[in-house]
PDB file of N, CA and C in Angstrom:
ATOM      1  N   MET A   1     -22.269   3.607  -3.675  1.00  0.00           N
ATOM      2  CA  MET A   1     -20.988   4.117  -4.108  1.00  0.00           C
ATOM      3  C   MET A   1     -19.969   2.988  -4.026  1.00  0.00           C
ATOM      4  N   TYR A   2     -19.115   2.897  -5.034  1.00  0.00           N
ATOM      5  CA  TYR A   2     -17.995   1.972  -5.002  1.00  0.00           C
ATOM      6  C   TYR A   2     -16.727   2.750  -4.682  1.00  0.00           C
ATOM      7  N   TYR A   3     -15.925   2.187  -3.809  1.00  0.00           N
ATOM      8  CA  TYR A   3     -14.649   2.782  -3.444  1.00  0.00           C
ATOM      9  C   TYR A   3     -13.563   1.782  -3.799  1.00  0.00           C
ATOM     10  N   GLU A   4     -12.516   2.261  -4.454  1.00  0.00           N
ATOM     11  CA  GLU A   4     -11.386   1.410  -4.826  1.00  0.00           C
ATOM     12  C   GLU A   4     -10.304   1.547  -3.760  1.00  0.00           C
ATOM     13  N   ASP A   5     -10.224   0.569  -2.885  1.00  0.00           N
ATOM     14  CA  ASP A   5      -9.222   0.583  -1.834  1.00  0.00           C
ATOM     15  C   ASP A   5      -7.929  -0.012  -2.376  1.00  0.00           C
ATOM     16  N   PRO A   6      -6.786   0.632  -2.094  1.00  0.00           N
ATOM     17  CA  PRO A   6      -5.516   0.140  -2.640  1.00  0.00           C
ATOM     18  C   PRO A   6      -5.134  -1.266  -2.161  1.00  0.00           C
ATOM     19  N   LEU A   7      -5.595  -1.676  -0.994  1.00  0.00           N
ATOM     20  CA  LEU A   7      -5.281  -3.014  -0.488  1.00  0.00           C
ATOM     21  C   LEU A   7      -6.402  -4.026  -0.699  1.00  0.00           C
ATOM     22  N   TYR A   8      -7.631  -3.585  -0.543  1.00  0.00           N
ATOM     23  CA  TYR A   8      -8.761  -4.510  -0.524  1.00  0.00           C
ATOM     24  C   TYR A   8      -9.634  -4.448  -1.775  1.00  0.00           C
ATOM     25  N   SER A   9      -9.195  -3.749  -2.809  1.00  0.00           N
ATOM     26  CA  SER A   9      -9.910  -3.552  -4.078  1.00  0.00           C
ATOM     27  C   SER A   9     -11.256  -2.875  -3.897  1.00  0.00           C
ATOM     28  N   ALA A  10     -12.138  -3.083  -4.868  1.00  0.00           N
ATOM     29  CA  ALA A  10     -13.403  -2.348  -4.882  1.00  0.00           C
ATOM     30  C   ALA A  10     -14.341  -2.867  -3.794  1.00  0.00           C
ATOM     31  N   VAL A  11     -14.998  -1.926  -3.153  1.00  0.00           N
ATOM     32  CA  VAL A  11     -15.983  -2.269  -2.130  1.00  0.00           C
ATOM     33  C   VAL A  11     -17.182  -1.341  -2.304  1.00  0.00           C
ATOM     34  N   GLU A  12     -18.362  -1.922  -2.218  1.00  0.00           N
ATOM     35  CA  GLU A  12     -19.576  -1.111  -2.303  1.00  0.00           C
ATOM     36  C   GLU A  12     -19.896  -0.573  -0.911  1.00  0.00           C
ATOM     37  N   LEU A  13     -20.155   0.733  -0.841  1.00  0.00           N
ATOM     38  CA  LEU A  13     -20.387   1.387   0.442  1.00  0.00           C
ATOM     39  C   LEU A  13     -21.813   1.896   0.539  1.00  0.00           C
ATOM     40  N   PRO A  14     -22.422   1.774   1.719  1.00  0.00           N
ATOM     41  CA  PRO A  14     -23.745   2.374   1.913  1.00  0.00           C
ATOM     42  C   PRO A  14     -23.636   3.896   1.894  1.00  0.00           C
ATOM     43  N   GLU A  15     -24.734   4.543   1.637  1.00  0.00           N
ATOM     44  CA  GLU A  15     -24.743   6.002   1.501  1.00  0.00           C
ATOM     45  C   GLU A  15     -24.267   6.699   2.775  1.00  0.00           C
ATOM     46  N   ALA A  16     -24.563   6.157   3.941  1.00  0.00           N
ATOM     47  CA  ALA A  16     -24.122   6.796   5.194  1.00  0.00           C
ATOM     48  C   ALA A  16     -22.602   6.909   5.229  1.00  0.00           C
ATOM     49  N   ILE A  17     -21.922   5.879   4.791  1.00  0.00           N
ATOM     50  CA  ILE A  17     -20.457   5.907   4.771  1.00  0.00           C
ATOM     51  C   ILE A  17     -19.955   6.784   3.641  1.00  0.00           C
ATOM     52  N   ALA A  18     -20.569   6.666   2.465  1.00  0.00           N
ATOM     53  CA  ALA A  18     -20.166   7.487   1.323  1.00  0.00           C
ATOM     54  C   ALA A  18     -20.303   8.969   1.654  1.00  0.00           C
ATOM     55  N   ALA A  19     -21.378   9.330   2.337  1.00  0.00           N
ATOM     56  CA  ALA A  19     -21.590  10.737   2.711  1.00  0.00           C
ATOM     57  C   ALA A  19     -20.503  11.213   3.669  1.00  0.00           C
ATOM     58  N   LEU A  20     -20.123  10.373   4.625  1.00  0.00           N
ATOM     59  CA  LEU A  20     -19.056  10.747   5.557  1.00  0.00           C
ATOM     60  C   LEU A  20     -17.719  10.906   4.851  1.00  0.00           C
ATOM     61  N   LEU A  21     -17.449  10.049   3.877  1.00  0.00           N
ATOM     62  CA  LEU A  21     -16.187  10.145   3.143  1.00  0.00           C
ATOM     63  C   LEU A  21     -16.028  11.487   2.438  1.00  0.00           C
ATOM     64  N   ARG A  22     -17.143  12.092   2.080  1.00  0.00           N
ATOM     65  CA  ARG A  22     -17.105  13.366   1.343  1.00  0.00           C
ATOM     66  C   ARG A  22     -16.980  14.585   2.259  1.00  0.00           C
ATOM     67  N   THR A  23     -17.047  14.403   3.565  1.00  0.00           N
ATOM     68  CA  THR A  23     -17.032  15.550   4.477  1.00  0.00           C
ATOM     69  C   THR A  23     -15.624  16.131   4.623  1.00  0.00           C
ATOM     70  N   PRO A  24     -15.517  17.431   4.899  1.00  0.00           N
ATOM     71  CA  PRO A  24     -14.199  18.045   5.102  1.00  0.00           C
ATOM     72  C   PRO A  24     -13.356  17.378   6.195  1.00  0.00           C
ATOM     73  N   PRO A  25     -13.926  16.977   7.354  1.00  0.00           N
ATOM     74  CA  PRO A  25     -13.067  16.320   8.348  1.00  0.00           C
ATOM     75  C   PRO A  25     -12.436  15.022   7.833  1.00  0.00           C
ATOM     76  N   MET A  26     -13.171  14.241   7.052  1.00  0.00           N
ATOM     77  CA  MET A  26     -12.588  13.012   6.499  1.00  0.00           C
ATOM     78  C   MET A  26     -11.597  13.340   5.390  1.00  0.00           C
ATOM     79  N   GLN A  27     -11.925  14.277   4.530  1.00  0.00           N
ATOM     80  CA  GLN A  27     -11.022  14.638   3.442  1.00  0.00           C
ATOM     81  C   GLN A  27      -9.711  15.211   3.976  1.00  0.00           C
ATOM     82  N   ARG A  28      -9.769  15.867   5.130  1.00  0.00           N
ATOM     83  CA  ARG A  28      -8.569  16.425   5.764  1.00  0.00           C
ATOM     84  C   ARG A  28      -7.547  15.329   6.052  1.00  0.00           C
ATOM     85  N   LEU A  29      -8.028  14.124   6.333  1.00  0.00           N
ATOM     86  CA  LEU A  29      -7.132  13.012   6.648  1.00  0.00           C
ATOM     87  C   LEU A  29      -6.275  12.587   5.464  1.00  0.00           C
ATOM     88  N   ARG A  30      -6.650  12.984   4.259  1.00  0.00           N
ATOM     89  CA  ARG A  30      -5.836  12.675   3.079  1.00  0.00           C
ATOM     90  C   ARG A  30      -4.480  13.380   3.145  1.00  0.00           C
ATOM     91  N   GLY A  31      -4.397  14.453   3.910  1.00  0.00           N
ATOM     92  CA  GLY A  31      -3.157  15.210   4.014  1.00  0.00           C
ATOM     93  C   GLY A  31      -2.330  14.874   5.244  1.00  0.00           C
ATOM     94  N   ILE A  32      -2.753  13.856   5.999  1.00  0.00           N
ATOM     95  CA  ILE A  32      -2.032  13.476   7.216  1.00  0.00           C
ATOM     96  C   ILE A  32      -1.478  12.070   7.025  1.00  0.00           C
ATOM     97  N   HIS A  33      -0.178  11.963   7.062  1.00  0.00           N
ATOM     98  CA  HIS A  33       0.466  10.665   6.856  1.00  0.00           C
ATOM     99  C   HIS A  33       0.277   9.772   8.074  1.00  0.00           C
ATOM    100  N   GLN A  34      -0.041   8.524   7.826  1.00  0.00           N
ATOM    101  CA  GLN A  34      -0.259   7.559   8.897  1.00  0.00           C
ATOM    102  C   GLN A  34       0.985   7.399   9.767  1.00  0.00           C
ATOM    103  N   GLY A  35       2.140   7.382   9.161  1.00  0.00           N
ATOM    104  CA  GLY A  35       3.380   7.181   9.906  1.00  0.00           C
ATOM    105  C   GLY A  35       3.955   8.447  10.503  1.00  0.00           C
ATOM    106  N   GLY A  36       3.252   9.544  10.405  1.00  0.00           N
ATOM    107  CA  GLY A  36       3.742  10.798  10.964  1.00  0.00           C
ATOM    108  C   GLY A  36       4.971  11.301  10.232  1.00  0.00           C
ATOM    109  N   ALA A  37       5.986  11.651  10.985  1.00  0.00           N
ATOM    110  CA  ALA A  37       7.179  12.282  10.416  1.00  0.00           C
ATOM    111  C   ALA A  37       8.069  11.307   9.645  1.00  0.00           C
ATOM    112  N   ILE A  38       7.811  10.012   9.720  1.00  0.00           N
ATOM    113  CA  ILE A  38       8.650   9.045   9.008  1.00  0.00           C
ATOM    114  C   ILE A  38       8.657   9.311   7.504  1.00  0.00           C
ATOM    115  N   VAL A  39       7.595   9.914   6.986  1.00  0.00           N
ATOM    116  CA  VAL A  39       7.532  10.211   5.549  1.00  0.00           C
ATOM    117  C   VAL A  39       8.638  11.188   5.137  1.00  0.00           C
ATOM    118  N   LEU A  40       9.131  11.984   6.074  1.00  0.00           N
ATOM    119  CA  LEU A  40      10.221  12.899   5.762  1.00  0.00           C
ATOM    120  C   LEU A  40      11.527  12.136   5.540  1.00  0.00           C
ATOM    121  N   ALA A  41      11.701  11.029   6.247  1.00  0.00           N
ATOM    122  CA  ALA A  41      12.904  10.220   6.101  1.00  0.00           C
ATOM    123  C   ALA A  41      12.776   9.190   4.980  1.00  0.00           C
ATOM    124  N   ASN A  42      11.554   8.716   4.750  1.00  0.00           N
ATOM    125  CA  ASN A  42      11.326   7.695   3.731  1.00  0.00           C
ATOM    126  C   ASN A  42      10.016   7.995   3.003  1.00  0.00           C
ATOM    127  N   PRO A  43      10.071   8.773   1.920  1.00  0.00           N
ATOM    128  CA  PRO A  43       8.860   9.159   1.193  1.00  0.00           C
ATOM    129  C   PRO A  43       8.068   7.977   0.631  1.00  0.00           C
ATOM    130  N   ALA A  44       8.675   6.806   0.566  1.00  0.00           N
ATOM    131  CA  ALA A  44       7.956   5.632   0.070  1.00  0.00           C
ATOM    132  C   ALA A  44       6.868   5.191   1.050  1.00  0.00           C
ATOM    133  N   ILE A  45       7.013   5.554   2.306  1.00  0.00           N
ATOM    134  CA  ILE A  45       5.979   5.250   3.307  1.00  0.00           C
ATOM    135  C   ILE A  45       4.982   6.404   3.249  1.00  0.00           C
ATOM    136  N   ASN A  46       4.028   6.277   2.375  1.00  0.00           N
ATOM    137  CA  ASN A  46       3.211   7.427   2.013  1.00  0.00           C
ATOM    138  C   ASN A  46       1.714   7.188   2.161  1.00  0.00           C
ATOM    139  N   HIS A  47       1.283   6.266   3.000  1.00  0.00           N
ATOM    140  CA  HIS A  47      -0.159   6.100   3.180  1.00  0.00           C
ATOM    141  C   HIS A  47      -0.656   7.099   4.225  1.00  0.00           C
ATOM    142  N   THR A  48      -1.893   7.467   4.079  1.00  0.00           N
ATOM    143  CA  THR A  48      -2.458   8.542   4.892  1.00  0.00           C
ATOM    144  C   THR A  48      -3.421   7.998   5.941  1.00  0.00           C
ATOM    145  N   ARG A  49      -3.797   8.865   6.863  1.00  0.00           N
ATOM    146  CA  ARG A  49      -4.820   8.522   7.858  1.00  0.00           C
ATOM    147  C   ARG A  49      -6.135   8.191   7.149  1.00  0.00           C
ATOM    148  N   PHE A  50      -6.405   8.837   6.024  1.00  0.00           N
ATOM    149  CA  PHE A  50      -7.613   8.535   5.248  1.00  0.00           C
ATOM    150  C   PHE A  50      -7.554   7.090   4.765  1.00  0.00           C
ATOM    151  N   ASP A  51      -6.436   6.706   4.126  1.00  0.00           N
ATOM    152  CA  ASP A  51      -6.276   5.332   3.645  1.00  0.00           C
ATOM    153  C   ASP A  51      -6.458   4.336   4.792  1.00  0.00           C
ATOM    154  N   HIS A  52      -5.822   4.624   5.904  1.00  0.00           N
ATOM    155  CA  HIS A  52      -5.897   3.743   7.068  1.00  0.00           C
ATOM    156  C   HIS A  52      -7.330   3.637   7.588  1.00  0.00           C
ATOM    157  N   SER A  53      -8.013   4.764   7.738  1.00  0.00           N
ATOM    158  CA  SER A  53      -9.368   4.769   8.278  1.00  0.00           C
ATOM    159  C   SER A  53     -10.339   4.005   7.379  1.00  0.00           C
ATOM    160  N   VAL A  54     -10.223   4.228   6.076  1.00  0.00           N
ATOM    161  CA  VAL A  54     -11.081   3.488   5.146  1.00  0.00           C
ATOM    162  C   VAL A  54     -10.748   2.000   5.199  1.00  0.00           C
ATOM    163  N   GLY A  55      -9.468   1.664   5.294  1.00  0.00           N
ATOM    164  CA  GLY A  55      -9.071   0.265   5.397  1.00  0.00           C
ATOM    165  C   GLY A  55      -9.642  -0.413   6.635  1.00  0.00           C
ATOM    166  N   VAL A  56      -9.628   0.279   7.754  1.00  0.00           N
ATOM    167  CA  VAL A  56     -10.213  -0.260   8.983  1.00  0.00           C
ATOM    168  C   VAL A  56     -11.701  -0.521   8.768  1.00  0.00           C
ATOM    169  N   MET A  57     -12.392   0.445   8.177  1.00  0.00           N
ATOM    170  CA  MET A  57     -13.820   0.287   7.928  1.00  0.00           C
ATOM    171  C   MET A  57     -14.082  -0.894   6.992  1.00  0.00           C
ATOM    172  N   VAL A  58     -13.268  -1.049   5.943  1.00  0.00           N
ATOM    173  CA  VAL A  58     -13.448  -2.151   4.999  1.00  0.00           C
ATOM    174  C   VAL A  58     -13.256  -3.495   5.708  1.00  0.00           C
ATOM    175  N   LEU A  59     -12.248  -3.598   6.556  1.00  0.00           N
ATOM    176  CA  LEU A  59     -12.038  -4.852   7.295  1.00  0.00           C
ATOM    177  C   LEU A  59     -13.225  -5.176   8.201  1.00  0.00           C
ATOM    178  N   ILE A  60     -13.735  -4.169   8.897  1.00  0.00           N
ATOM    179  CA  ILE A  60     -14.911  -4.385   9.753  1.00  0.00           C
ATOM    180  C   ILE A  60     -16.088  -4.834   8.900  1.00  0.00           C
ATOM    181  N   ARG A  61     -16.246  -4.224   7.743  1.00  0.00           N
ATOM    182  CA  ARG A  61     -17.328  -4.586   6.823  1.00  0.00           C
ATOM    183  C   ARG A  61     -17.185  -6.036   6.365  1.00  0.00           C
ATOM    184  N   ARG A  62     -15.959  -6.434   6.013  1.00  0.00           N
ATOM    185  CA  ARG A  62     -15.710  -7.811   5.549  1.00  0.00           C
ATOM    186  C   ARG A  62     -15.926  -8.836   6.659  1.00  0.00           C
ATOM    187  N   LEU A  63     -15.772  -8.403   7.892  1.00  0.00           N
ATOM    188  CA  LEU A  63     -16.010  -9.295   9.032  1.00  0.00           C
ATOM    189  C   LEU A  63     -17.458  -9.227   9.510  1.00  0.00           C
ATOM    190  N   ASP A  64     -18.330  -8.637   8.676  1.00  0.00           N
ATOM    191  CA  ASP A  64     -19.765  -8.516   8.952  1.00  0.00           C
ATOM    192  C   ASP A  64     -20.080  -7.663  10.171  1.00  0.00           C
ATOM    193  N   GLY A  65     -19.243  -6.665  10.435  1.00  0.00           N
ATOM    194  CA  GLY A  65     -19.535  -5.729  11.515  1.00  0.00           C
ATOM    195  C   GLY A  65     -20.741  -4.876  11.158  1.00  0.00           C
ATOM    196  N   SER A  66     -21.461  -4.449  12.152  1.00  0.00           N
ATOM    197  CA  SER A  66     -22.647  -3.612  11.937  1.00  0.00           C
ATOM    198  C   SER A  66     -22.259  -2.287  11.281  1.00  0.00           C
ATOM    199  N   LEU A  67     -23.253  -1.595  10.759  1.00  0.00           N
ATOM    200  CA  LEU A  67     -23.005  -0.279  10.173  1.00  0.00           C
ATOM    201  C   LEU A  67     -22.399   0.654  11.211  1.00  0.00           C
ATOM    202  N   TRP A  68     -22.868   0.586  12.463  1.00  0.00           N
ATOM    203  CA  TRP A  68     -22.331   1.442  13.527  1.00  0.00           C
ATOM    204  C   TRP A  68     -20.854   1.155  13.759  1.00  0.00           C
ATOM    205  N   LYS A  69     -20.470  -0.116  13.747  1.00  0.00           N
ATOM    206  CA  LYS A  69     -19.060  -0.462  13.924  1.00  0.00           C
ATOM    207  C   LYS A  69     -18.229  -0.001  12.737  1.00  0.00           C
ATOM    208  N   GLN A  70     -18.791  -0.088  11.536  1.00  0.00           N
ATOM    209  CA  GLN A  70     -18.082   0.398  10.350  1.00  0.00           C
ATOM    210  C   GLN A  70     -17.875   1.901  10.448  1.00  0.00           C
ATOM    211  N   LEU A  71     -18.902   2.616  10.880  1.00  0.00           N
ATOM    212  CA  LEU A  71     -18.788   4.064  11.040  1.00  0.00           C
ATOM    213  C   LEU A  71     -17.743   4.407  12.104  1.00  0.00           C
ATOM    214  N   ALA A  72     -17.730   3.658  13.197  1.00  0.00           N
ATOM    215  CA  ALA A  72     -16.730   3.893  14.248  1.00  0.00           C
ATOM    216  C   ALA A  72     -15.324   3.646  13.707  1.00  0.00           C
ATOM    217  N   GLY A  73     -15.161   2.588  12.927  1.00  0.00           N
ATOM    218  CA  GLY A  73     -13.856   2.307  12.328  1.00  0.00           C
ATOM    219  C   GLY A  73     -13.418   3.408  11.386  1.00  0.00           C
ATOM    220  N   LEU A  74     -14.362   3.913  10.614  1.00  0.00           N
ATOM    221  CA  LEU A  74     -14.057   4.982   9.674  1.00  0.00           C
ATOM    222  C   LEU A  74     -13.643   6.262  10.399  1.00  0.00           C
ATOM    223  N   LEU A  75     -14.300   6.563  11.494  1.00  0.00           N
ATOM    224  CA  LEU A  75     -14.088   7.839  12.185  1.00  0.00           C
ATOM    225  C   LEU A  75     -13.034   7.796  13.292  1.00  0.00           C
ATOM    226  N   HIS A  76     -12.447   6.639  13.553  1.00  0.00           N
ATOM    227  CA  HIS A  76     -11.592   6.519  14.733  1.00  0.00           C
ATOM    228  C   HIS A  76     -10.365   7.419  14.710  1.00  0.00           C
ATOM    229  N   ASP A  77      -9.908   7.864  13.560  1.00  0.00           N
ATOM    230  CA  ASP A  77      -8.719   8.732  13.489  1.00  0.00           C
ATOM    231  C   ASP A  77      -9.038  10.154  13.037  1.00  0.00           C
ATOM    232  N   VAL A  78     -10.307  10.505  12.989  1.00  0.00           N
ATOM    233  CA  VAL A  78     -10.688  11.799  12.417  1.00  0.00           C
ATOM    234  C   VAL A  78     -10.091  12.985  13.179  1.00  0.00           C
ATOM    235  N   SER A  79      -9.729  12.788  14.427  1.00  0.00           N
ATOM    236  CA  SER A  79      -9.188  13.904  15.210  1.00  0.00           C
ATOM    237  C   SER A  79      -7.667  14.009  15.132  1.00  0.00           C
ATOM    238  N   HIS A  80      -7.011  13.110  14.415  1.00  0.00           N
ATOM    239  CA  HIS A  80      -5.547  13.169  14.332  1.00  0.00           C
ATOM    240  C   HIS A  80      -5.070  14.438  13.638  1.00  0.00           C
ATOM    241  N   MET A  81      -3.926  14.911  14.092  1.00  0.00           N
ATOM    242  CA  MET A  81      -3.317  16.111  13.531  1.00  0.00           C
ATOM    243  C   MET A  81      -2.097  15.712  12.701  1.00  0.00           C
ATOM    244  N   ALA A  82      -1.533  16.675  12.026  1.00  0.00           N
ATOM    245  CA  ALA A  82      -0.322  16.436  11.245  1.00  0.00           C
ATOM    246  C   ALA A  82       0.773  15.877  12.145  1.00  0.00           C
ATOM    247  N   PHE A  83       1.599  15.038  11.577  1.00  0.00           N
ATOM    248  CA  PHE A  83       2.700  14.367  12.278  1.00  0.00           C
ATOM    249  C   PHE A  83       2.226  13.418  13.367  1.00  0.00           C
ATOM    250  N   SER A  84       0.952  13.069  13.328  1.00  0.00           N
ATOM    251  CA  SER A  84       0.426  11.999  14.151  1.00  0.00           C
ATOM    252  C   SER A  84       0.774  12.171  15.628  1.00  0.00           C
ATOM    253  N   HIS A  85       1.342  11.142  16.248  1.00  0.00           N
ATOM    254  CA  HIS A  85       1.624  11.171  17.685  1.00  0.00           C
ATOM    255  C   HIS A  85       2.841  12.015  18.044  1.00  0.00           C
ATOM    256  N   LEU A  86       3.566  12.499  17.058  1.00  0.00           N
ATOM    257  CA  LEU A  86       4.698  13.372  17.342  1.00  0.00           C
ATOM    258  C   LEU A  86       4.242  14.618  18.112  1.00  0.00           C
ATOM    259  N   ILE A  87       3.012  15.074  17.853  1.00  0.00           N
ATOM    260  CA  ILE A  87       2.484  16.250  18.556  1.00  0.00           C
ATOM    261  C   ILE A  87       2.417  15.992  20.064  1.00  0.00           C
ATOM    262  N   ASP A  88       2.226  14.727  20.465  1.00  0.00           N
ATOM    263  CA  ASP A  88       2.194  14.394  21.888  1.00  0.00           C
ATOM    264  C   ASP A  88       3.515  14.733  22.565  1.00  0.00           C
ATOM    265  N   TYR A  89       4.610  14.503  21.852  1.00  0.00           N
ATOM    266  CA  TYR A  89       5.931  14.814  22.405  1.00  0.00           C
ATOM    267  C   TYR A  89       6.181  16.321  22.410  1.00  0.00           C
ATOM    268  N   VAL A  90       5.755  16.981  21.360  1.00  0.00           N
ATOM    269  CA  VAL A  90       5.942  18.429  21.272  1.00  0.00           C
ATOM    270  C   VAL A  90       5.163  19.133  22.385  1.00  0.00           C
ATOM    271  N   LEU A  91       3.943  18.674  22.638  1.00  0.00           N
ATOM    272  CA  LEU A  91       3.099  19.286  23.664  1.00  0.00           C
ATOM    273  C   LEU A  91       3.241  18.612  25.027  1.00  0.00           C
ATOM    274  N   ASP A  92       4.146  17.640  25.128  1.00  0.00           N
ATOM    275  CA  ASP A  92       4.442  16.937  26.376  1.00  0.00           C
ATOM    276  C   ASP A  92       3.218  16.208  26.940  1.00  0.00           C
ATOM    277  N   TYR A  93       2.560  15.427  26.088  1.00  0.00           N
ATOM    278  CA  TYR A  93       1.458  14.572  26.510  1.00  0.00           C
ATOM    279  C   TYR A  93       1.991  13.154  26.664  1.00  0.00           C
ATOM    280  N   ALA A  94       2.356  12.785  27.894  1.00  0.00           N
ATOM    281  CA  ALA A  94       2.993  11.489  28.160  1.00  0.00           C
ATOM    282  C   ALA A  94       2.103  10.312  27.776  1.00  0.00           C
ATOM    283  N   GLU A  95       0.811  10.484  27.844  1.00  0.00           N
ATOM    284  CA  GLU A  95      -0.114   9.400  27.519  1.00  0.00           C
ATOM    285  C   GLU A  95      -0.337   9.242  26.009  1.00  0.00           C
ATOM    286  N   GLU A  96       0.279  10.105  25.213  1.00  0.00           N
ATOM    287  CA  GLU A  96       0.121  10.093  23.751  1.00  0.00           C
ATOM    288  C   GLU A  96      -1.355  10.111  23.355  1.00  0.00           C
ATOM    289  N   ASP A  97      -2.104  11.027  23.967  1.00  0.00           N
ATOM    290  CA  ASP A  97      -3.547  11.052  23.745  1.00  0.00           C
ATOM    291  C   ASP A  97      -4.097  12.431  23.368  1.00  0.00           C
ATOM    292  N   TYR A  98      -3.224  13.307  22.864  1.00  0.00           N
ATOM    293  CA  TYR A  98      -3.710  14.635  22.506  1.00  0.00           C
ATOM    294  C   TYR A  98      -4.872  14.558  21.539  1.00  0.00           C
ATOM    295  N   HIS A  99      -4.745  13.709  20.515  1.00  0.00           N
ATOM    296  CA  HIS A  99      -5.824  13.619  19.544  1.00  0.00           C
ATOM    297  C   HIS A  99      -7.108  13.078  20.163  1.00  0.00           C
ATOM    298  N   GLU A 100      -6.993  12.216  21.184  1.00  0.00           N
ATOM    299  CA  GLU A 100      -8.184  11.711  21.866  1.00  0.00           C
ATOM    300  C   GLU A 100      -8.872  12.829  22.644  1.00  0.00           C
ATOM    301  N   GLN A 101      -8.097  13.701  23.289  1.00  0.00           N
ATOM    302  CA  GLN A 101      -8.683  14.813  24.008  1.00  0.00           C
ATOM    303  C   GLN A 101      -9.349  15.774  23.039  1.00  0.00           C
ATOM    304  N   ARG A 102      -8.727  15.969  21.898  1.00  0.00           N
ATOM    305  CA  ARG A 102      -9.291  16.847  20.865  1.00  0.00           C
ATOM    306  C   ARG A 102     -10.570  16.266  20.302  1.00  0.00           C
ATOM    307  N   TYR A 103     -10.629  14.938  20.224  1.00  0.00           N
ATOM    308  CA  TYR A 103     -11.799  14.234  19.694  1.00  0.00           C
ATOM    309  C   TYR A 103     -13.049  14.560  20.475  1.00  0.00           C
ATOM    310  N   GLU A 104     -12.894  14.660  21.800  1.00  0.00           N
ATOM    311  CA  GLU A 104     -14.045  14.980  22.646  1.00  0.00           C
ATOM    312  C   GLU A 104     -14.668  16.288  22.215  1.00  0.00           C
TER     313      GLU A 104
END
């Protein structure tokens, strides 16, 4: 599968990664803005957790990281919720790790 990344252009992906990209948990990240609530103040800052996660995976791939490291890069934000770390303040998580606890 070829994926057209907005920053890194076209990249060929192995089937293991392509299959993960198609899953509902990964697709859900398309609706979560990387910058959290900042998109409400500045709609031009409009990249998503999906864009970010794929970008991380592409960088690891370009640096010859193993498939396992690429998969880890791709999945590292899969547990994030809407408004990103803002939820930590709403739920009073001083360590800003609610999504990490949810990841478990």
